[in-house]
Protein backbone atom coordinates (compact mmCIF):
# COMPACT_ATOMS: atom_id res chain seq x y z
CA MET A 1 -20.25 -41.34 -189.58
CA THR A 2 -19.01 -39.34 -186.62
CA ILE A 3 -19.22 -42.38 -184.34
CA ALA A 4 -17.23 -44.46 -186.84
CA LEU A 5 -14.54 -41.80 -187.12
CA LEU A 6 -14.27 -41.44 -183.35
CA SER A 7 -14.09 -45.21 -182.93
CA PHE A 8 -11.37 -45.49 -185.56
CA SER A 9 -9.38 -42.65 -184.00
CA ARG A 10 -9.66 -44.34 -180.59
CA LEU A 11 -8.42 -47.60 -182.14
CA CYS A 12 -5.42 -45.75 -183.60
CA PHE A 13 -4.60 -44.16 -180.25
CA VAL A 14 -4.92 -47.53 -178.50
CA TRP A 15 -2.45 -48.98 -181.02
CA CYS A 16 0.02 -46.20 -180.18
CA ALA A 17 -0.45 -46.84 -176.46
CA PHE A 18 0.15 -50.56 -177.10
CA TYR A 19 3.41 -49.68 -178.85
CA LEU A 20 4.50 -47.48 -175.96
CA ALA A 21 3.73 -50.22 -173.42
CA LEU A 22 5.54 -52.86 -175.51
CA SER A 23 8.51 -50.56 -175.99
CA LEU A 24 8.72 -49.78 -172.30
CA GLN A 25 8.47 -53.46 -171.38
CA SER A 26 11.24 -54.27 -173.86
CA ALA A 27 13.39 -51.46 -172.46
CA VAL A 28 12.97 -52.74 -168.90
CA TRP A 29 13.85 -56.25 -170.07
CA ALA A 30 16.98 -55.02 -171.87
CA SER A 31 18.04 -52.97 -168.86
CA LYS A 32 17.75 -55.99 -166.58
CA ARG A 33 19.70 -58.08 -169.04
CA HIS A 34 22.55 -55.56 -169.13
CA GLY A 35 22.40 -54.99 -165.37
CA SER A 36 21.85 -51.26 -165.72
CA LYS A 37 19.49 -48.82 -164.06
CA THR A 38 18.92 -46.84 -167.25
CA LEU A 39 16.37 -47.82 -169.88
CA PHE A 40 17.65 -49.01 -173.25
CA LEU A 41 15.24 -48.75 -176.19
CA GLU A 42 16.04 -51.57 -178.59
CA ILE A 43 14.81 -50.51 -182.00
CA GLN A 44 17.88 -51.62 -183.93
CA SER A 45 17.22 -55.25 -184.80
CA TYR A 46 20.72 -55.84 -186.16
CA ARG A 47 22.15 -55.36 -182.64
CA ALA A 48 20.09 -58.21 -181.19
CA SER A 49 22.19 -61.26 -180.42
CA GLY A 50 19.86 -64.20 -179.81
CA LYS A 51 17.00 -65.67 -181.76
CA ARG A 52 14.47 -64.44 -179.22
CA GLU A 53 15.97 -60.93 -179.13
CA LYS A 54 15.89 -60.69 -182.92
CA ALA A 55 12.24 -61.72 -183.00
CA ARG A 56 11.40 -59.18 -180.28
CA ALA A 57 13.24 -56.36 -182.06
CA LYS A 58 11.58 -57.24 -185.35
CA LEU A 59 8.12 -57.24 -183.74
CA LEU A 60 8.86 -53.94 -182.01
CA ARG A 61 9.96 -52.36 -185.28
CA ARG A 62 6.76 -53.51 -187.05
CA VAL A 63 4.54 -52.24 -184.24
CA ALA A 64 6.47 -48.94 -184.29
CA LEU A 65 5.82 -48.55 -188.01
CA GLY A 66 2.14 -49.16 -187.40
CA ALA A 67 2.13 -46.58 -184.61
CA ILE A 68 3.87 -44.04 -186.84
CA ILE A 69 1.14 -44.51 -189.43
CA ALA A 70 -1.72 -44.75 -186.91
CA MET A 71 -0.99 -41.53 -185.03
CA PRO A 72 -1.58 -39.05 -187.91
CA VAL A 73 -4.51 -41.12 -189.21
CA GLY A 74 -6.10 -41.20 -185.76
CA LEU A 75 -5.55 -37.48 -185.29
CA ALA A 76 -7.04 -36.70 -188.70
CA CYS A 77 -10.09 -38.89 -188.01
CA TRP A 78 -10.58 -37.23 -184.65
CA LEU A 79 -10.36 -33.74 -186.18
CA VAL A 80 -12.83 -34.61 -188.94
CA ALA A 81 -15.25 -36.08 -186.37
CA VAL A 82 -14.99 -32.97 -184.18
CA VAL A 83 -15.51 -30.60 -187.12
CA LYS A 84 -18.43 -32.66 -188.48
CA GLY A 85 -20.04 -32.92 -185.05
CA ALA A 86 -19.80 -29.19 -184.36
């Protein structure tokens, strides 16, 4: 059971890292598009102008929702695994 909980918590943390990498890549892309040296995080899908931008913002918002849910679940699984293992 402890191994399953640790594996699930690792999967949750990997999902959060995937969201951070995707968000950073999207921010770099938006900064290049606007010709700026600052990073713009595009989490507002209604501000996207093209079809591709809208799809990217929608995907980013869904992945962000998953990361918001995965972080507390992963932390709780990790804590339970540590307490059970000790």
